């Protein structure tokens, strides 16, 4: 049975696009699972040399995947920053709450 390079490659591109959709939606657990799935699929795809007739298509696809990965990375960093800010606010609120409820906390 002959390998369908084009179909396999298109599935990888589709998976990468779905990963971007998950990142845009803030669905980080699903994104993580998909990233593992994609890594496995990439390893399988490149386990054998790409046939010459598909080299240009794969090269263009790699550039597309790289651009999408850059966007996913930016979205991830932005979400991490938001979470860090939310944690800081929560910490400050917890400290303020303790100041009202804990007689051991120094009040000025």
Protein backbone atom coordinates (compact mmCIF):
# COMPACT_ATOMS: atom_id res chain seq x y z
CA UNK A 1 0.00 0.00 0.00
CA UNK A 2 1.38 3.37 -1.03
CA UNK A 3 1.63 6.14 1.52
CA UNK A 4 -0.62 9.15 0.94
CA UNK A 5 1.86 11.94 1.71
CA UNK A 6 -0.47 14.71 0.70
CA UNK A 7 -3.34 13.54 2.90
CA UNK A 8 -1.02 13.02 5.89
CA UNK A 9 0.48 16.47 5.46
CA UNK A 10 -2.93 18.10 5.13
CA UNK A 11 -4.02 16.40 8.36
CA UNK A 12 -1.00 17.90 10.11
CA UNK A 13 -1.85 21.37 8.79
CA UNK A 14 -5.49 20.94 9.83
CA UNK A 15 -4.45 19.82 13.31
CA UNK A 16 -2.19 22.86 13.63
CA UNK A 17 -5.07 25.15 12.62
CA UNK A 18 -7.31 23.52 15.21
CA UNK A 19 -4.59 24.06 17.81
CA UNK A 20 -4.69 27.78 17.01
CA UNK A 21 -8.46 27.79 17.43
CA UNK A 22 -8.08 26.17 20.87
CA UNK A 23 -5.45 28.75 21.85
CA UNK A 24 -7.69 31.62 20.72
CA UNK A 25 -10.49 30.11 22.80
CA UNK A 26 -8.23 29.73 25.85
CA UNK A 27 -8.72 25.96 25.87
CA UNK A 28 -5.23 25.21 27.16
CA UNK A 29 -5.77 21.61 28.26
CA UNK A 30 -7.13 20.67 24.84
CA UNK A 31 -4.29 22.57 23.17
CA UNK A 32 -1.75 20.62 25.19
CA UNK A 33 -3.29 17.30 24.17
CA UNK A 34 -3.35 18.35 20.54
CA UNK A 35 0.29 19.46 20.70
CA UNK A 36 1.27 15.98 21.86
CA UNK A 37 -0.81 14.43 19.10
CA UNK A 38 0.81 16.70 16.53
CA UNK A 39 4.31 15.91 17.78
CA UNK A 40 3.62 12.20 17.35
CA UNK A 41 2.17 12.79 13.87
CA UNK A 42 5.19 14.88 12.84
CA UNK A 43 7.59 12.20 14.03
CA UNK A 44 5.65 9.61 12.05
CA UNK A 45 5.48 11.82 8.96
CA UNK A 46 9.22 12.52 8.93
CA UNK A 47 10.24 8.96 9.84
CA UNK A 48 10.84 8.47 6.12
CA UNK A 49 12.31 10.98 3.70
CA UNK A 50 9.71 13.13 1.96
CA UNK A 51 9.33 12.29 -1.71
CA UNK A 52 10.79 14.97 -3.98
CA UNK A 53 7.45 15.76 -5.57
CA UNK A 54 6.07 16.84 -2.16
CA UNK A 55 9.13 18.78 -0.98
CA UNK A 56 7.86 22.23 -2.00
CA UNK A 57 4.45 21.58 -0.45
CA UNK A 58 6.04 20.40 2.79
CA UNK A 59 8.40 23.40 2.82
CA UNK A 60 5.45 25.79 2.49
CA UNK A 61 3.56 23.86 5.15
CA UNK A 62 6.47 24.09 7.57
CA UNK A 63 6.44 27.87 7.13
CA UNK A 64 2.69 27.90 7.82
CA UNK A 65 3.10 25.73 10.92
CA UNK A 66 5.88 28.02 12.13
CA UNK A 67 3.69 31.14 11.73
CA UNK A 68 0.80 29.45 13.54
CA UNK A 69 3.12 28.24 16.32
CA UNK A 70 4.37 31.81 16.75
CA UNK A 71 0.79 33.00 17.21
CA UNK A 72 0.02 30.18 19.64
CA UNK A 73 3.14 31.08 21.62
CA UNK A 74 2.10 34.74 21.78
CA UNK A 75 -1.41 33.77 22.93
CA UNK A 76 0.04 31.46 25.56
CA UNK A 77 2.38 34.15 26.90
CA UNK A 78 -0.47 36.65 27.01
CA UNK A 79 -2.65 34.19 28.94
CA UNK A 80 0.19 33.50 31.37
CA UNK A 81 0.55 37.24 31.96
CA UNK A 82 -3.17 37.58 32.62
CA UNK A 83 -3.10 34.67 35.05
CA UNK A 84 -0.11 36.18 36.87
CA UNK A 85 -1.97 39.49 37.23
CA UNK A 86 -5.07 37.70 38.52
CA UNK A 87 -2.98 35.78 41.04
CA UNK A 88 -1.40 39.03 42.26
CA UNK A 89 -4.82 40.61 42.76
CA UNK A 90 -6.05 37.51 44.59
CA UNK A 91 -2.99 37.52 46.85
CA UNK A 92 -3.56 41.19 47.71
CA UNK A 93 -7.23 40.52 48.47
CA UNK A 94 -6.33 37.58 50.69
CA UNK A 95 -3.82 39.72 52.57
CA UNK A 96 -6.38 42.50 53.03
CA UNK A 97 -8.97 39.98 54.23
CA UNK A 98 -6.55 38.59 56.80
CA UNK A 99 -5.86 42.11 58.04
CA UNK A 100 -9.53 42.41 58.97
CA UNK A 101 -9.98 38.94 60.41
CA UNK A 102 -6.64 38.08 62.05
CA UNK A 103 -5.85 39.98 65.25
CA UNK A 104 -2.14 39.05 64.84
CA UNK A 105 -1.79 41.14 61.70
CA UNK A 106 -0.21 44.51 62.41
CA UNK A 107 -2.52 47.41 61.67
CA UNK A 108 -1.16 50.87 61.15
